[in-house]
Amino acid sequence: MPTRDFGRGPAAPPRCIHLANIKSAKKDILRSRRLRLRNLNWKSRAKTEIRKARVAIAAGQPGALALSRHASRLLDKAAAKGVIHKRQAARRKSRLARRLATLAVSS
C-alpha cells in the first residue's frame, strides 16, 4: 500500500493513504481530503483579506473601504460554500464594519 507524509515533517513516520477496504469508503476519504484542502484555502484567503483590511483601517488608508468590501464578499462566499458558518461570517463582517465606522467617525 502506498504511503505519504502529508507535510508533517521529516521526523514523522509515513501514513497510509487509506485504512478503508470498501471502495466507497476509500472514495469518501479522498473526497473529505479534497474538501478539507478547499476549506483551508478559503479560510486562509478570508483571513488574509480581513488582515489587509484591518491594517488599512488602522493606517487610515483611503482604500480601506474597498478592502473591507472585498473581505466581506469573501466571507459571504465562504459561508455560502459551507466553509464557515453564516453567523460566523456575519460576526466577522460586523466587527470589520465597526472598525471601519470608527475610522469614518475619527476622520
C-alpha atoms as a PDB file:
ATOM      1  CA  MET A   1       0.000   0.000   0.000  1.00  0.00           C
ATOM      2  CA  PRO A   2       1.443   3.407  -0.913  1.00  0.00           C
ATOM      3  CA  THR A   3       2.329   5.798   1.851  1.00  0.00           C
ATOM      4  CA  ARG A   4       2.598   9.565   2.046  1.00  0.00           C
ATOM      5  CA  ASP A   5       3.958  12.099   4.514  1.00  0.00           C
ATOM      6  CA  PHE A   6       1.387  14.927   4.008  1.00  0.00           C
ATOM      7  CA  GLY A   7       3.904  17.554   5.092  1.00  0.00           C
ATOM      8  CA  ARG A   8       4.162  16.544   8.730  1.00  0.00           C
ATOM      9  CA  GLY A   9       7.938  16.975   8.795  1.00  0.00           C
ATOM     10  CA  PRO A  10      10.872  14.623   8.254  1.00  0.00           C
ATOM     11  CA  ALA A  11      10.704  13.040  11.727  1.00  0.00           C
ATOM     12  CA  ALA A  12       7.105  11.871  11.351  1.00  0.00           C
ATOM     13  CA  PRO A  13       6.532   8.272  10.243  1.00  0.00           C
ATOM     14  CA  PRO A  14       4.765   7.841   6.890  1.00  0.00           C
ATOM     15  CA  ARG A  15       0.980   7.409   6.917  1.00  0.00           C
ATOM     16  CA  CYS A  16      -1.182   5.138   4.838  1.00  0.00           C
ATOM     17  CA  ILE A  17      -3.426   6.798   2.295  1.00  0.00           C
ATOM     18  CA  HIS A  18      -6.414   4.567   3.099  1.00  0.00           C
ATOM     19  CA  LEU A  19      -7.418   2.477   6.032  1.00  0.00           C
ATOM     20  CA  ALA A  20     -10.701   1.505   4.463  1.00  0.00           C
ATOM     21  CA  ASN A  21     -11.240  -1.640   2.414  1.00  0.00           C
ATOM     22  CA  ILE A  22     -14.550  -0.742   0.778  1.00  0.00           C
ATOM     23  CA  LYS A  23     -14.329   1.224  -2.431  1.00  0.00           C
ATOM     24  CA  SER A  24     -16.971   3.798  -1.459  1.00  0.00           C
ATOM     25  CA  ALA A  25     -15.231   4.379   1.883  1.00  0.00           C
ATOM     26  CA  LYS A  26     -11.936   4.985   0.060  1.00  0.00           C
ATOM     27  CA  LYS A  27     -13.696   7.500  -2.180  1.00  0.00           C
ATOM     28  CA  ASP A  28     -15.167   9.174   0.917  1.00  0.00           C
ATOM     29  CA  ILE A  29     -11.671   9.549   2.373  1.00  0.00           C
ATOM     30  CA  LEU A  30     -10.346  11.112  -0.826  1.00  0.00           C
ATOM     31  CA  ARG A  31     -13.336  13.429  -1.093  1.00  0.00           C
ATOM     32  CA  SER A  32     -13.025  14.575   2.517  1.00  0.00           C
ATOM     33  CA  ARG A  33      -9.328  15.355   1.983  1.00  0.00           C
ATOM     34  CA  ARG A  34     -10.134  17.315  -1.156  1.00  0.00           C
ATOM     35  CA  LEU A  35     -12.856  19.296   0.626  1.00  0.00           C
ATOM     36  CA  ARG A  36     -10.576  19.894   3.618  1.00  0.00           C
ATOM     37  CA  LEU A  37      -7.948  21.446   1.368  1.00  0.00           C
ATOM     38  CA  ARG A  38     -10.606  23.590  -0.305  1.00  0.00           C
ATOM     39  CA  ASN A  39     -11.867  24.751   3.090  1.00  0.00           C
ATOM     40  CA  LEU A  40      -8.340  25.564   4.259  1.00  0.00           C
ATOM     41  CA  ASN A  41      -7.755  27.594   1.102  1.00  0.00           C
ATOM     42  CA  TRP A  42     -10.969  29.601   1.556  1.00  0.00           C
ATOM     43  CA  LYS A  43     -10.314  30.207   5.259  1.00  0.00           C
ATOM     44  CA  SER A  44      -6.784  31.338   4.555  1.00  0.00           C
ATOM     45  CA  ARG A  45      -7.902  33.717   1.807  1.00  0.00           C
ATOM     46  CA  ALA A  46     -10.611  35.204   4.015  1.00  0.00           C
ATOM     47  CA  LYS A  47      -8.243  35.694   6.953  1.00  0.00           C
ATOM     48  CA  THR A  48      -5.651  37.317   4.705  1.00  0.00           C
ATOM     49  CA  GLU A  49      -8.175  39.768   3.267  1.00  0.00           C
ATOM     50  CA  ILE A  50      -9.519  40.607   6.740  1.00  0.00           C
ATOM     51  CA  ARG A  51      -5.973  41.251   7.911  1.00  0.00           C
ATOM     52  CA  LYS A  52      -5.293  43.530   4.931  1.00  0.00           C
ATOM     53  CA  ALA A  53      -8.479  45.472   5.633  1.00  0.00           C
ATOM     54  CA  ARG A  54      -7.669  45.832   9.344  1.00  0.00           C
ATOM     55  CA  VAL A  55      -4.185  47.116   8.578  1.00  0.00           C
ATOM     56  CA  ALA A  56      -5.583  49.595   6.047  1.00  0.00           C
ATOM     57  CA  ILE A  57      -8.210  50.786   8.529  1.00  0.00           C
ATOM     58  CA  ALA A  58      -5.640  51.174  11.303  1.00  0.00           C
ATOM     59  CA  ALA A  59      -3.346  53.136   8.999  1.00  0.00           C
ATOM     60  CA  GLY A  60      -6.217  55.280   7.746  1.00  0.00           C
ATOM     61  CA  GLN A  61      -5.546  54.403   4.121  1.00  0.00           C
ATOM     62  CA  PRO A  62      -8.069  55.592   1.525  1.00  0.00           C
ATOM     63  CA  GLY A  63      -8.510  52.075   0.088  1.00  0.00           C
ATOM     64  CA  ALA A  64      -9.730  50.659   3.401  1.00  0.00           C
ATOM     65  CA  LEU A  65     -13.366  50.713   2.307  1.00  0.00           C
ATOM     66  CA  ALA A  66     -12.654  48.716  -0.846  1.00  0.00           C
ATOM     67  CA  LEU A  67     -10.550  46.197   1.076  1.00  0.00           C
ATOM     68  CA  SER A  68     -13.251  45.706   3.701  1.00  0.00           C
ATOM     69  CA  ARG A  69     -15.870  45.214   0.977  1.00  0.00           C
ATOM     70  CA  HIS A  70     -13.684  42.600  -0.666  1.00  0.00           C
ATOM     71  CA  ALA A  71     -13.190  40.819   2.663  1.00  0.00           C
ATOM     72  CA  SER A  72     -16.955  40.889   3.302  1.00  0.00           C
ATOM     73  CA  ARG A  73     -17.603  39.420  -0.114  1.00  0.00           C
ATOM     74  CA  LEU A  74     -15.120  36.607   0.522  1.00  0.00           C
ATOM     75  CA  LEU A  75     -16.727  35.866   3.881  1.00  0.00           C
ATOM     76  CA  ASP A  76     -20.158  35.675   2.228  1.00  0.00           C
ATOM     77  CA  LYS A  77     -18.853  33.272  -0.401  1.00  0.00           C
ATOM     78  CA  ALA A  78     -17.157  31.114   2.221  1.00  0.00           C
ATOM     79  CA  ALA A  79     -20.406  30.947   4.190  1.00  0.00           C
ATOM     80  CA  ALA A  80     -22.371  30.070   1.048  1.00  0.00           C
ATOM     81  CA  LYS A  81     -19.999  27.194   0.320  1.00  0.00           C
ATOM     82  CA  GLY A  82     -20.250  25.930   3.881  1.00  0.00           C
ATOM     83  CA  VAL A  83     -16.614  26.624   4.687  1.00  0.00           C
ATOM     84  CA  ILE A  84     -17.615  28.744   7.687  1.00  0.00           C
ATOM     85  CA  HIS A  85     -20.964  29.155   9.401  1.00  0.00           C
ATOM     86  CA  LYS A  86     -23.170  32.001   8.214  1.00  0.00           C
ATOM     87  CA  ARG A  87     -23.278  33.515  11.694  1.00  0.00           C
ATOM     88  CA  GLN A  88     -19.509  33.458  11.915  1.00  0.00           C
ATOM     89  CA  ALA A  89     -19.332  35.276   8.588  1.00  0.00           C
ATOM     90  CA  ALA A  90     -21.860  37.832   9.851  1.00  0.00           C
ATOM     91  CA  ARG A  91     -19.911  38.321  13.080  1.00  0.00           C
ATOM     92  CA  ARG A  92     -16.622  38.875  11.251  1.00  0.00           C
ATOM     93  CA  LYS A  93     -18.230  41.295   8.794  1.00  0.00           C
ATOM     94  CA  SER A  94     -19.832  43.190  11.662  1.00  0.00           C
ATOM     95  CA  ARG A  95     -16.542  43.536  13.512  1.00  0.00           C
ATOM     96  CA  LEU A  96     -14.843  44.750  10.354  1.00  0.00           C
ATOM     97  CA  ALA A  97     -17.642  47.250   9.714  1.00  0.00           C
ATOM     98  CA  ARG A  98     -17.355  48.564  13.274  1.00  0.00           C
ATOM     99  CA  ARG A  99     -13.650  49.170  12.803  1.00  0.00           C
ATOM    100  CA  LEU A 100     -14.385  50.955   9.547  1.00  0.00           C
ATOM    101  CA  ALA A 101     -17.053  53.078  11.218  1.00  0.00           C
ATOM    102  CA  THR A 102     -14.614  54.187  13.920  1.00  0.00           C
ATOM    103  CA  LEU A 103     -12.256  55.276  11.148  1.00  0.00           C
ATOM    104  CA  ALA A 104     -15.051  57.288   9.495  1.00  0.00           C
ATOM    105  CA  VAL A 105     -16.028  58.918  12.794  1.00  0.00           C
ATOM    106  CA  SER A 106     -12.468  59.851  13.733  1.00  0.00           C
ATOM    107  CA  SER A 107     -11.743  61.327  10.275  1.00  0.00           C
END
